[in-house]
């Protein structure tokens, strides 16, 4: 009976240790660099989108200014 009780207590203790909350890890240098690279590429995409919109606007202005035949 004692062995069974001891086994039950030990099993419960191991289960509780396995479920304990671990502290959040600090961000690594590689993770920070990848985040910075993603932000830079997002900025470049926004700039390219703005340039495309400007070019589209210029094309529309040019087609309106062209003489109609």
PDB file of N, CA and C in Angstrom:
ATOM      1  N   UNK A   1       0.820  -1.194   0.000  1.00  0.00           N
ATOM      2  CA  UNK A   1       0.000   0.000   0.000  1.00  0.00           C
ATOM      3  C   UNK A   1       0.864   1.259   0.000  1.00  0.00           C
ATOM      4  N   UNK A   2       1.949   1.233   0.770  1.00  0.00           N
ATOM      5  CA  UNK A   2       2.828   2.400   0.822  1.00  0.00           C
ATOM      6  C   UNK A   2       3.477   2.638  -0.536  1.00  0.00           C
ATOM      7  N   UNK A   3       3.877   1.562  -1.214  1.00  0.00           N
ATOM      8  CA  UNK A   3       4.512   1.709  -2.511  1.00  0.00           C
ATOM      9  C   UNK A   3       3.545   2.316  -3.525  1.00  0.00           C
ATOM     10  N   UNK A   4       2.296   1.910  -3.462  1.00  0.00           N
ATOM     11  CA  UNK A   4       1.284   2.452  -4.356  1.00  0.00           C
ATOM     12  C   UNK A   4       1.062   3.933  -4.089  1.00  0.00           C
ATOM     13  N   UNK A   5       0.990   4.298  -2.819  1.00  0.00           N
ATOM     14  CA  UNK A   5       0.804   5.701  -2.445  1.00  0.00           C
ATOM     15  C   UNK A   5       2.009   6.525  -2.875  1.00  0.00           C
ATOM     16  N   UNK A   6       3.212   6.005  -2.658  1.00  0.00           N
ATOM     17  CA  UNK A   6       4.427   6.702  -3.049  1.00  0.00           C
ATOM     18  C   UNK A   6       4.482   6.880  -4.569  1.00  0.00           C
ATOM     19  N   UNK A   7       4.097   5.871  -5.318  1.00  0.00           N
ATOM     20  CA  UNK A   7       4.085   5.952  -6.773  1.00  0.00           C
ATOM     21  C   UNK A   7       3.072   6.992  -7.250  1.00  0.00           C
ATOM     22  N   UNK A   8       1.921   7.048  -6.600  1.00  0.00           N
ATOM     23  CA  UNK A   8       0.888   8.025  -6.981  1.00  0.00           C
ATOM     24  C   UNK A   8       1.367   9.447  -6.705  1.00  0.00           C
ATOM     25  N   UNK A   9       2.005   9.650  -5.565  1.00  0.00           N
ATOM     26  CA  UNK A   9       2.514  10.987  -5.220  1.00  0.00           C
ATOM     27  C   UNK A   9       3.627  11.384  -6.194  1.00  0.00           C
ATOM     28  N   UNK A  10       4.527  10.456  -6.496  1.00  0.00           N
ATOM     29  CA  UNK A  10       5.623  10.758  -7.424  1.00  0.00           C
ATOM     30  C   UNK A  10       5.084  11.065  -8.822  1.00  0.00           C
ATOM     31  N   UNK A  11       4.096  10.301  -9.268  1.00  0.00           N
ATOM     32  CA  UNK A  11       3.506  10.545 -10.583  1.00  0.00           C
ATOM     33  C   UNK A  11       2.834  11.903 -10.663  1.00  0.00           C
ATOM     34  N   UNK A  12       2.140  12.270  -9.621  1.00  0.00           N
ATOM     35  CA  UNK A  12       1.486  13.579  -9.577  1.00  0.00           C
ATOM     36  C   UNK A  12       2.516  14.695  -9.569  1.00  0.00           C
ATOM     37  N   UNK A  13       3.591  14.512  -8.813  1.00  0.00           N
ATOM     38  CA  UNK A  13       4.634  15.532  -8.753  1.00  0.00           C
ATOM     39  C   UNK A  13       5.265  15.735 -10.132  1.00  0.00           C
ATOM     40  N   UNK A  14       5.561  14.636 -10.830  1.00  0.00           N
ATOM     41  CA  UNK A  14       6.138  14.774 -12.169  1.00  0.00           C
ATOM     42  C   UNK A  14       5.170  15.444 -13.136  1.00  0.00           C
ATOM     43  N   UNK A  15       3.895  15.146 -13.004  1.00  0.00           N
ATOM     44  CA  UNK A  15       2.892  15.767 -13.879  1.00  0.00           C
ATOM     45  C   UNK A  15       2.814  17.269 -13.624  1.00  0.00           C
ATOM     46  N   UNK A  16       2.864  17.662 -12.362  1.00  0.00           N
ATOM     47  CA  UNK A  16       2.794  19.089 -12.039  1.00  0.00           C
ATOM     48  C   UNK A  16       4.051  19.827 -12.488  1.00  0.00           C
ATOM     49  N   UNK A  17       5.196  19.200 -12.371  1.00  0.00           N
ATOM     50  CA  UNK A  17       6.437  19.829 -12.816  1.00  0.00           C
ATOM     51  C   UNK A  17       6.410  20.014 -14.328  1.00  0.00           C
ATOM     52  N   UNK A  18       5.884  19.041 -15.035  1.00  0.00           N
ATOM     53  CA  UNK A  18       5.810  19.138 -16.490  1.00  0.00           C
ATOM     54  C   UNK A  18       4.851  20.209 -16.966  1.00  0.00           C
ATOM     55  N   UNK A  19       3.856  20.532 -16.169  1.00  0.00           N
ATOM     56  CA  UNK A  19       2.859  21.525 -16.563  1.00  0.00           C
ATOM     57  C   UNK A  19       3.186  22.923 -16.075  1.00  0.00           C
ATOM     58  N   UNK A  20       4.279  23.085 -15.359  1.00  0.00           N
ATOM     59  CA  UNK A  20       4.584  24.401 -14.805  1.00  0.00           C
ATOM     60  C   UNK A  20       4.850  25.392 -15.925  1.00  0.00           C
ATOM     61  N   UNK A  21       4.487  26.626 -15.681  1.00  0.00           N
ATOM     62  CA  UNK A  21       4.632  27.670 -16.686  1.00  0.00           C
ATOM     63  C   UNK A  21       6.086  28.104 -16.746  1.00  0.00           C
ATOM     64  N   UNK A  22       6.607  28.198 -17.951  1.00  0.00           N
ATOM     65  CA  UNK A  22       7.992  28.603 -18.134  1.00  0.00           C
ATOM     66  C   UNK A  22       8.017  30.084 -18.496  1.00  0.00           C
ATOM     67  N   UNK A  23       9.033  30.817 -18.052  1.00  0.00           N
ATOM     68  CA  UNK A  23       9.107  32.237 -18.396  1.00  0.00           C
ATOM     69  C   UNK A  23       9.365  32.421 -19.888  1.00  0.00           C
ATOM     70  N   UNK A  24       8.900  33.522 -20.408  1.00  0.00           N
ATOM     71  CA  UNK A  24       9.091  33.812 -21.830  1.00  0.00           C
ATOM     72  C   UNK A  24      10.567  34.021 -22.106  1.00  0.00           C
ATOM     73  N   UNK A  25      11.011  33.495 -23.227  1.00  0.00           N
ATOM     74  CA  UNK A  25      12.403  33.650 -23.608  1.00  0.00           C
ATOM     75  C   UNK A  25      12.624  35.043 -24.185  1.00  0.00           C
ATOM     76  N   UNK A  26      13.816  35.560 -24.000  1.00  0.00           N
ATOM     77  CA  UNK A  26      14.142  36.854 -24.585  1.00  0.00           C
ATOM     78  C   UNK A  26      14.366  36.664 -26.073  1.00  0.00           C
ATOM     79  N   UNK A  27      14.019  37.650 -26.867  1.00  0.00           N
ATOM     80  CA  UNK A  27      14.186  37.502 -28.313  1.00  0.00           C
ATOM     81  C   UNK A  27      15.661  37.359 -28.679  1.00  0.00           C
ATOM     82  N   UNK A  28      15.934  36.483 -29.586  1.00  0.00           N
ATOM     83  CA  UNK A  28      17.310  36.280 -30.017  1.00  0.00           C
ATOM     84  C   UNK A  28      17.686  37.309 -31.057  1.00  0.00           C
ATOM     85  N   UNK A  29      18.959  37.423 -31.298  1.00  0.00           N
ATOM     86  CA  UNK A  29      19.441  38.398 -32.279  1.00  0.00           C
ATOM     87  C   UNK A  29      18.916  38.067 -33.674  1.00  0.00           C
ATOM     88  N   UNK A  30      18.858  36.782 -33.994  1.00  0.00           N
ATOM     89  CA  UNK A  30      18.364  36.384 -35.317  1.00  0.00           C
ATOM     90  C   UNK A  30      16.901  36.749 -35.493  1.00  0.00           C
ATOM     91  N   UNK A  31      16.105  36.577 -34.436  1.00  0.00           N
ATOM     92  CA  UNK A  31      14.688  36.922 -34.518  1.00  0.00           C
ATOM     93  C   UNK A  31      14.514  38.423 -34.695  1.00  0.00           C
ATOM     94  N   UNK A  32      15.333  39.192 -34.000  1.00  0.00           N
ATOM     95  CA  UNK A  32      15.229  40.653 -34.129  1.00  0.00           C
ATOM     96  C   UNK A  32      15.648  41.096 -35.534  1.00  0.00           C
ATOM     97  N   UNK A  33      16.693  40.461 -36.089  1.00  0.00           N
ATOM     98  CA  UNK A  33      17.134  40.819 -37.432  1.00  0.00           C
ATOM     99  C   UNK A  33      16.076  40.474 -38.474  1.00  0.00           C
ATOM    100  N   UNK A  34      15.413  39.337 -38.305  1.00  0.00           N
ATOM    101  CA  UNK A  34      14.378  38.965 -39.271  1.00  0.00           C
ATOM    102  C   UNK A  34      13.178  39.906 -39.173  1.00  0.00           C
ATOM    103  N   UNK A  35      12.879  40.365 -37.969  1.00  0.00           N
ATOM    104  CA  UNK A  35      11.790  41.330 -37.806  1.00  0.00           C
ATOM    105  C   UNK A  35      12.131  42.645 -38.484  1.00  0.00           C
ATOM    106  N   UNK A  36      13.375  43.094 -38.306  1.00  0.00           N
ATOM    107  CA  UNK A  36      13.803  44.330 -38.954  1.00  0.00           C
ATOM    108  C   UNK A  36      13.767  44.193 -40.480  1.00  0.00           C
ATOM    109  N   UNK A  37      14.200  43.044 -40.988  1.00  0.00           N
ATOM    110  CA  UNK A  37      14.181  42.822 -42.437  1.00  0.00           C
ATOM    111  C   UNK A  37      12.750  42.824 -42.959  1.00  0.00           C
ATOM    112  N   UNK A  38      11.833  42.236 -42.217  1.00  0.00           N
ATOM    113  CA  UNK A  38      10.430  42.225 -42.631  1.00  0.00           C
ATOM    114  C   UNK A  38       9.857  43.638 -42.644  1.00  0.00           C
ATOM    115  N   UNK A  39      10.229  44.442 -41.663  1.00  0.00           N
ATOM    116  CA  UNK A  39       9.740  45.824 -41.621  1.00  0.00           C
ATOM    117  C   UNK A  39      10.282  46.621 -42.809  1.00  0.00           C
ATOM    118  N   UNK A  40      11.571  46.411 -43.140  1.00  0.00           N
ATOM    119  CA  UNK A  40      12.153  47.125 -44.276  1.00  0.00           C
ATOM    120  C   UNK A  40      11.489  46.716 -45.584  1.00  0.00           C
ATOM    121  N   UNK A  41      11.227  45.422 -45.763  1.00  0.00           N
ATOM    122  CA  UNK A  41      10.595  44.987 -47.004  1.00  0.00           C
ATOM    123  C   UNK A  41       9.164  45.496 -47.092  1.00  0.00           C
ATOM    124  N   UNK A  42       8.494  45.619 -45.947  1.00  0.00           N
ATOM    125  CA  UNK A  42       7.144  46.162 -45.937  1.00  0.00           C
ATOM    126  C   UNK A  42       7.157  47.634 -46.349  1.00  0.00           C
ATOM    127  N   UNK A  43       8.154  48.371 -45.855  1.00  0.00           N
ATOM    128  CA  UNK A  43       8.278  49.776 -46.242  1.00  0.00           C
ATOM    129  C   UNK A  43       8.552  49.902 -47.735  1.00  0.00           C
ATOM    130  N   UNK A  44       9.413  49.023 -48.272  1.00  0.00           N
ATOM    131  CA  UNK A  44       9.709  49.056 -49.705  1.00  0.00           C
ATOM    132  C   UNK A  44       8.466  48.740 -50.529  1.00  0.00           C
ATOM    133  N   UNK A  45       7.667  47.788 -50.054  1.00  0.00           N
ATOM    134  CA  UNK A  45       6.442  47.434 -50.775  1.00  0.00           C
ATOM    135  C   UNK A  45       5.465  48.605 -50.763  1.00  0.00           C
ATOM    136  N   UNK A  46       5.387  49.302 -49.647  1.00  0.00           N
ATOM    137  CA  UNK A  46       4.493  50.462 -49.570  1.00  0.00           C
ATOM    138  C   UNK A  46       4.969  51.562 -50.517  1.00  0.00           C
ATOM    139  N   UNK A  47       6.282  51.773 -50.586  1.00  0.00           N
ATOM    140  CA  UNK A  47       6.822  52.774 -51.503  1.00  0.00           C
ATOM    141  C   UNK A  47       6.534  52.391 -52.954  1.00  0.00           C
ATOM    142  N   UNK A  48       6.725  51.122 -53.289  1.00  0.00           N
ATOM    143  CA  UNK A  48       6.462  50.664 -54.656  1.00  0.00           C
ATOM    144  C   UNK A  48       4.986  50.812 -55.000  1.00  0.00           C
ATOM    145  N   UNK A  49       4.128  50.543 -54.053  1.00  0.00           N
ATOM    146  CA  UNK A  49       2.695  50.688 -54.285  1.00  0.00           C
ATOM    147  C   UNK A  49       2.339  52.149 -54.538  1.00  0.00           C
ATOM    148  N   UNK A  50       2.957  53.034 -53.779  1.00  0.00           N
ATOM    149  CA  UNK A  50       2.724  54.471 -53.984  1.00  0.00           C
ATOM    150  C   UNK A  50       3.200  54.923 -55.351  1.00  0.00           C
ATOM    151  N   UNK A  51       4.364  54.421 -55.774  1.00  0.00           N
ATOM    152  CA  UNK A  51       4.883  54.786 -57.095  1.00  0.00           C
ATOM    153  C   UNK A  51       3.988  54.247 -58.198  1.00  0.00           C
ATOM    154  N   UNK A  52       3.463  53.049 -58.026  1.00  0.00           N
ATOM    155  CA  UNK A  52       2.561  52.481 -59.028  1.00  0.00           C
ATOM    156  C   UNK A  52       1.279  53.296 -59.127  1.00  0.00           C
ATOM    157  N   UNK A  53       0.792  53.755 -57.996  1.00  0.00           N
ATOM    158  CA  UNK A  53      -0.419  54.576 -58.005  1.00  0.00           C
ATOM    159  C   UNK A  53      -0.154  55.902 -58.713  1.00  0.00           C
ATOM    160  N   UNK A  54       1.029  56.480 -58.460  1.00  0.00           N
ATOM    161  CA  UNK A  54       1.378  57.733 -59.146  1.00  0.00           C
ATOM    162  C   UNK A  54       1.479  57.520 -60.652  1.00  0.00           C
ATOM    163  N   UNK A  55       2.100  56.417 -61.059  1.00  0.00           N
ATOM    164  CA  UNK A  55       2.239  56.127 -62.493  1.00  0.00           C
ATOM    165  C   UNK A  55       0.879  55.899 -63.132  1.00  0.00           C
ATOM    166  N   UNK A  56      -0.011  55.252 -62.422  1.00  0.00           N
ATOM    167  CA  UNK A  56      -1.354  55.017 -62.944  1.00  0.00           C
ATOM    168  C   UNK A  56      -2.092  56.341 -63.112  1.00  0.00           C
ATOM    169  N   UNK A  57      -1.911  57.218 -62.143  1.00  0.00           N
ATOM    170  CA  UNK A  57      -2.542  58.535 -62.251  1.00  0.00           C
ATOM    171  C   UNK A  57      -2.011  59.335 -63.427  1.00  0.00           C
ATOM    172  N   UNK A  58      -0.702  59.244 -63.662  1.00  0.00           N
ATOM    173  CA  UNK A  58      -0.095  59.948 -64.790  1.00  0.00           C
ATOM    174  C   UNK A  58      -0.592  59.384 -66.112  1.00  0.00           C
ATOM    175  N   UNK A  59      -0.742  58.071 -66.185  1.00  0.00           N
ATOM    176  CA  UNK A  59      -1.242  57.450 -67.413  1.00  0.00           C
ATOM    177  C   UNK A  59      -2.679  57.883 -67.677  1.00  0.00           C
ATOM    178  N   UNK A  60      -3.474  57.985 -66.641  1.00  0.00           N
ATOM    179  CA  UNK A  60      -4.855  58.431 -66.817  1.00  0.00           C
ATOM    180  C   UNK A  60      -4.900  59.875 -67.281  1.00  0.00           C
ATOM    181  N   UNK A  61      -4.024  60.710 -66.727  1.00  0.00           N
ATOM    182  CA  UNK A  61      -3.970  62.116 -67.148  1.00  0.00           C
ATOM    183  C   UNK A  61      -3.534  62.222 -68.604  1.00  0.00           C
ATOM    184  N   UNK A  62      -2.573  61.391 -68.992  1.00  0.00           N
ATOM    185  CA  UNK A  62      -2.074  61.436 -70.371  1.00  0.00           C
ATOM    186  C   UNK A  62      -3.151  60.975 -71.349  1.00  0.00           C
ATOM    187  N   UNK A  63      -3.934  59.981 -70.980  1.00  0.00           N
ATOM    188  CA  UNK A  63      -4.966  59.499 -71.895  1.00  0.00           C
ATOM    189  C   UNK A  63      -6.090  60.540 -72.034  1.00  0.00           C
ATOM    190  N   UNK A  64      -6.329  61.302 -70.987  1.00  0.00           N
ATOM    191  CA  UNK A  64      -7.351  62.351 -71.074  1.00  0.00           C
ATOM    192  C   UNK A  64      -6.854  63.513 -71.924  1.00  0.00           C
ATOM    193  N   UNK A  65      -5.551  63.771 -71.860  1.00  0.00           N
ATOM    194  CA  UNK A  65      -4.982  64.903 -72.599  1.00  0.00           C
ATOM    195  C   UNK A  65      -4.738  64.566 -74.065  1.00  0.00           C
ATOM    196  N   UNK A  66      -4.722  63.290 -74.412  1.00  0.00           N
ATOM    197  CA  UNK A  66      -4.448  62.897 -75.793  1.00  0.00           C
ATOM    198  C   UNK A  66      -5.624  63.326 -76.674  1.00  0.00           C
ATOM    199  N   UNK A  67      -5.293  63.751 -77.898  1.00  0.00           N
ATOM    200  CA  UNK A  67      -6.391  64.171 -78.807  1.00  0.00           C
ATOM    201  C   UNK A  67      -7.224  62.954 -79.214  1.00  0.00           C
ATOM    202  N   UNK A  68      -8.494  63.173 -79.283  1.00  0.00           N
ATOM    203  CA  UNK A  68      -9.423  62.105 -79.659  1.00  0.00           C
ATOM    204  C   UNK A  68      -9.625  62.165 -81.157  1.00  0.00           C
ATOM    205  N   UNK A  69      -9.567  61.028 -81.763  1.00  0.00           N
ATOM    206  CA  UNK A  69      -9.705  60.979 -83.232  1.00  0.00           C
ATOM    207  C   UNK A  69     -11.070  60.453 -83.588  1.00  0.00           C
TER     208      UNK A  69
END
